[in-house]
C-alpha atoms as a PDB file:
ATOM      1  CA  MET A   1      99.351  47.657 100.470  1.00  0.00           C
ATOM      2  CA  SER A   2      98.917  44.444  98.628  1.00  0.00           C
ATOM      3  CA  ALA A   3      98.337  44.064  94.925  1.00  0.00           C
ATOM      4  CA  THR A   4      94.997  42.409  95.698  1.00  0.00           C
ATOM      5  CA  ILE A   5      93.600  45.628  97.172  1.00  0.00           C
ATOM      6  CA  GLN A   6      94.820  47.532  94.127  1.00  0.00           C
ATOM      7  CA  HIS A   7      93.071  45.037  91.813  1.00  0.00           C
ATOM      8  CA  VAL A   8      89.849  45.379  93.788  1.00  0.00           C
ATOM      9  CA  PHE A   9      90.215  49.186  93.697  1.00  0.00           C
ATOM     10  CA  GLN A  10      90.543  49.090  89.913  1.00  0.00           C
ATOM     11  CA  ALA A  11      87.674  46.653  89.510  1.00  0.00           C
ATOM     12  CA  VAL A  12      85.264  48.574  91.716  1.00  0.00           C
ATOM     13  CA  VAL A  13      86.239  52.231  92.177  1.00  0.00           C
ATOM     14  CA  ILE A  14      87.846  52.980  88.802  1.00  0.00           C
ATOM     15  CA  ALA A  15      85.010  51.122  87.078  1.00  0.00           C
ATOM     16  CA  LYS A  16      82.456  53.300  88.895  1.00  0.00           C
ATOM     17  CA  LEU A  17      84.392  56.493  88.137  1.00  0.00           C
ATOM     18  CA  THR A  18      84.582  55.689  84.451  1.00  0.00           C
ATOM     19  CA  TYR A  19      81.221  53.989  83.916  1.00  0.00           C
ATOM     20  CA  ALA A  20      79.902  55.128  80.500  1.00  0.00           C
ATOM     21  CA  SER A  21      82.571  57.840  80.416  1.00  0.00           C
ATOM     22  CA  GLN A  22      82.423  57.914  76.623  1.00  0.00           C
ATOM     23  CA  SER A  23      79.002  59.541  76.869  1.00  0.00           C
ATOM     24  CA  TRP A  24      79.660  62.067  79.633  1.00  0.00           C
ATOM     25  CA  SER A  25      83.399  62.819  79.792  1.00  0.00           C
ATOM     26  CA  GLY A  26      83.127  65.485  77.082  1.00  0.00           C
ATOM     27  CA  PHE A  27      80.773  67.450  79.317  1.00  0.00           C
ATOM     28  CA  THR A  28      82.954  67.465  82.434  1.00  0.00           C
ATOM     29  CA  SER A  29      84.449  70.729  83.588  1.00  0.00           C
ATOM     30  CA  ALA A  30      88.090  71.278  84.460  1.00  0.00           C
ATOM     31  CA  ALA A  31      87.091  71.435  88.126  1.00  0.00           C
ATOM     32  CA  ASP A  32      85.463  67.994  87.905  1.00  0.00           C
ATOM     33  CA  ILE A  33      88.576  66.545  86.268  1.00  0.00           C
ATOM     34  CA  GLN A  34      90.742  68.138  88.956  1.00  0.00           C
ATOM     35  CA  LEU A  35      88.603  66.593  91.717  1.00  0.00           C
ATOM     36  CA  GLN A  36      88.795  63.149  90.144  1.00  0.00           C
ATOM     37  CA  ASN A  37      92.571  63.446  89.704  1.00  0.00           C
ATOM     38  CA  ALA A  38      92.931  64.574  93.339  1.00  0.00           C
ATOM     39  CA  PHE A  39      90.966  61.502  94.420  1.00  0.00           C
ATOM     40  CA  LEU A  40      93.274  59.270  92.350  1.00  0.00           C
ATOM     41  CA  HIS A  41      96.384  60.896  93.840  1.00  0.00           C
ATOM     42  CA  ARG A  42      95.067  60.419  97.396  1.00  0.00           C
ATOM     43  CA  SER A  43      94.283  56.796  96.596  1.00  0.00           C
ATOM     44  CA  ILE A  44      97.787  56.261  95.204  1.00  0.00           C
ATOM     45  CA  HIS A  45      99.340  57.918  98.269  1.00  0.00           C
ATOM     46  CA  GLN A  46      97.395  55.600 100.592  1.00  0.00           C
ATOM     47  CA  GLY A  47      98.253  52.529  98.517  1.00  0.00           C
ATOM     48  CA  PHE A  48      94.800  51.667  97.217  1.00  0.00           C
ATOM     49  CA  CYS A  49      95.424  52.663  93.620  1.00  0.00           C
ATOM     50  CA  PRO A  50      98.333  51.471  91.462  1.00  0.00           C
ATOM     51  CA  PRO A  51     100.828  54.274  90.767  1.00  0.00           C
ATOM     52  CA  ASP A  52     100.390  54.040  86.979  1.00  0.00           C
ATOM     53  CA  LEU A  53      96.852  55.507  87.159  1.00  0.00           C
ATOM     54  CA  THR A  54      97.736  59.148  87.692  1.00  0.00           C
ATOM     55  CA  ASP A  55      95.398  60.990  85.337  1.00  0.00           C
ATOM     56  CA  ILE A  56      91.679  60.378  84.846  1.00  0.00           C
ATOM     57  CA  THR A  57      91.769  61.865  81.345  1.00  0.00           C
ATOM     58  CA  ASP A  58      94.182  59.105  80.275  1.00  0.00           C
ATOM     59  CA  ILE A  59      91.647  56.546  81.491  1.00  0.00           C
ATOM     60  CA  PHE A  60      88.859  58.358  79.609  1.00  0.00           C
ATOM     61  CA  ASP A  61      90.981  58.493  76.446  1.00  0.00           C
ATOM     62  CA  ALA A  62      91.748  54.775  76.637  1.00  0.00           C
ATOM     63  CA  ALA A  63      88.041  53.970  77.045  1.00  0.00           C
ATOM     64  CA  ASP A  64      87.168  56.253  74.111  1.00  0.00           C
ATOM     65  CA  GLU A  65      89.791  54.615  71.912  1.00  0.00           C
ATOM     66  CA  ALA A  66      88.564  51.123  72.811  1.00  0.00           C
ATOM     67  CA  LEU A  67      84.955  52.023  71.988  1.00  0.00           C
ATOM     68  CA  PHE A  68      85.945  53.694  68.722  1.00  0.00           C
ATOM     69  CA  CYS A  69      87.988  50.650  67.629  1.00  0.00           C
ATOM     70  CA  GLN A  70      85.092  48.332  68.472  1.00  0.00           C
ATOM     71  CA  THR A  71      82.746  50.549  66.501  1.00  0.00           C
ATOM     72  CA  LEU A  72      84.972  50.469  63.440  1.00  0.00           C
ATOM     73  CA  HIS A  73      85.762  46.764  63.486  1.00  0.00           C
ATOM     74  CA  HIS A  74      82.421  45.211  64.480  1.00  0.00           C
ATOM     75  CA  PRO A  75      79.636  45.804  61.945  1.00  0.00           C
ATOM     76  CA  ASN A  76      76.947  44.738  64.441  1.00  0.00           C
ATOM     77  CA  HIS A  77      78.020  47.282  67.066  1.00  0.00           C
ATOM     78  CA  LEU A  78      75.308  49.691  68.179  1.00  0.00           C
ATOM     79  CA  LEU A  79      77.292  52.696  66.902  1.00  0.00           C
ATOM     80  CA  ALA A  80      78.223  51.055  63.583  1.00  0.00           C
ATOM     81  CA  PRO A  81      75.651  53.109  61.625  1.00  0.00           C
ATOM     82  CA  CYS A  82      77.541  56.224  62.785  1.00  0.00           C
ATOM     83  CA  SER A  83      80.810  54.771  61.491  1.00  0.00           C
ATOM     84  CA  LEU A  84      82.683  56.483  58.701  1.00  0.00           C
ATOM     85  CA  MET A  85      83.916  53.248  57.185  1.00  0.00           C
ATOM     86  CA  LYS A  86      81.178  53.085  54.556  1.00  0.00           C
ATOM     87  CA  PRO A  87      81.947  54.762  51.229  1.00  0.00           C
ATOM     88  CA  THR A  88      79.514  57.369  49.995  1.00  0.00           C
ATOM     89  CA  HIS A  89      78.045  57.574  46.509  1.00  0.00           C
ATOM     90  CA  HIS A  90      80.843  60.039  45.597  1.00  0.00           C
ATOM     91  CA  THR A  91      83.632  57.502  46.066  1.00  0.00           C
ATOM     92  CA  THR A  92      84.372  54.137  44.567  1.00  0.00           C
ATOM     93  CA  SER A  93      84.433  51.100  46.808  1.00  0.00           C
ATOM     94  CA  GLY A  94      88.228  51.182  47.124  1.00  0.00           C
ATOM     95  CA  GLU A  95      88.814  54.838  47.804  1.00  0.00           C
ATOM     96  CA  GLY A  96      87.563  56.956  50.611  1.00  0.00           C
ATOM     97  CA  ALA A  97      86.843  54.090  52.970  1.00  0.00           C
ATOM     98  CA  ILE A  98      87.753  56.141  55.996  1.00  0.00           C
ATOM     99  CA  ILE A  99      86.397  59.415  54.678  1.00  0.00           C
ATOM    100  CA  GLY A 100      82.978  57.970  53.983  1.00  0.00           C
ATOM    101  CA  SER A 101      80.280  60.354  54.995  1.00  0.00           C
ATOM    102  CA  LEU A 102      82.039  63.266  56.652  1.00  0.00           C
ATOM    103  CA  LEU A 103      80.647  64.713  59.811  1.00  0.00           C
ATOM    104  CA  GLN A 104      78.385  67.676  59.785  1.00  0.00           C
ATOM    105  CA  LYS A 105      79.431  70.820  61.602  1.00  0.00           C
ATOM    106  CA  SER A 106      78.802  70.782  65.296  1.00  0.00           C
ATOM    107  CA  THR A 107      79.020  73.704  67.671  1.00  0.00           C
ATOM    108  CA  ASN A 108      79.825  71.382  70.569  1.00  0.00           C
ATOM    109  CA  TYR A 109      82.961  69.699  69.197  1.00  0.00           C
ATOM    110  CA  ASP A 110      84.337  68.513  72.543  1.00  0.00           C
ATOM    111  CA  SER A 111      81.146  66.634  73.369  1.00  0.00           C
ATOM    112  CA  ASN A 112      80.681  64.779  70.074  1.00  0.00           C
ATOM    113  CA  PHE A 113      82.340  61.388  70.475  1.00  0.00           C
ATOM    114  CA  ILE A 114      82.776  60.545  66.803  1.00  0.00           C
ATOM    115  CA  GLN A 115      84.240  63.960  65.925  1.00  0.00           C
ATOM    116  CA  CYS A 116      86.610  63.888  68.870  1.00  0.00           C
ATOM    117  CA  MET A 117      87.917  60.466  67.919  1.00  0.00           C
ATOM    118  CA  LEU A 118      88.375  61.392  64.252  1.00  0.00           C
ATOM    119  CA  TYR A 119      90.244  64.612  64.871  1.00  0.00           C
ATOM    120  CA  LYS A 120      92.110  63.845  68.103  1.00  0.00           C
ATOM    121  CA  ASP A 121      95.512  63.213  66.474  1.00  0.00           C
ATOM    122  CA  LEU A 122      95.422  65.944  63.847  1.00  0.00           C
ATOM    123  CA  TYR A 123      97.293  68.613  65.792  1.00  0.00           C
END
């Protein structure tokens, strides 16, 4: 199929699949992820979806990373008060800029956006 159909597919279908995914993707089950990936694979096979979009979790991760970077770099962002870029009273202004106010313990780690983004590359 033509590249135009693939662009429309990305603009409409992928946008609907991933709308506000930063808020709900942590709550999806493995079965839900499998269904969304199966839909993507069928769409690729029929030529609607570009072949580089093979895994919905990669799309979710990219959206999470984009939101996290916007939160850190734009002080007027809605989530900026949750940012860890502000030093606490225990640190000087030059040290601990990223540590800031550490997160409190959460029993639902996979669903907490800020915790997931902070600890995603620590393994």
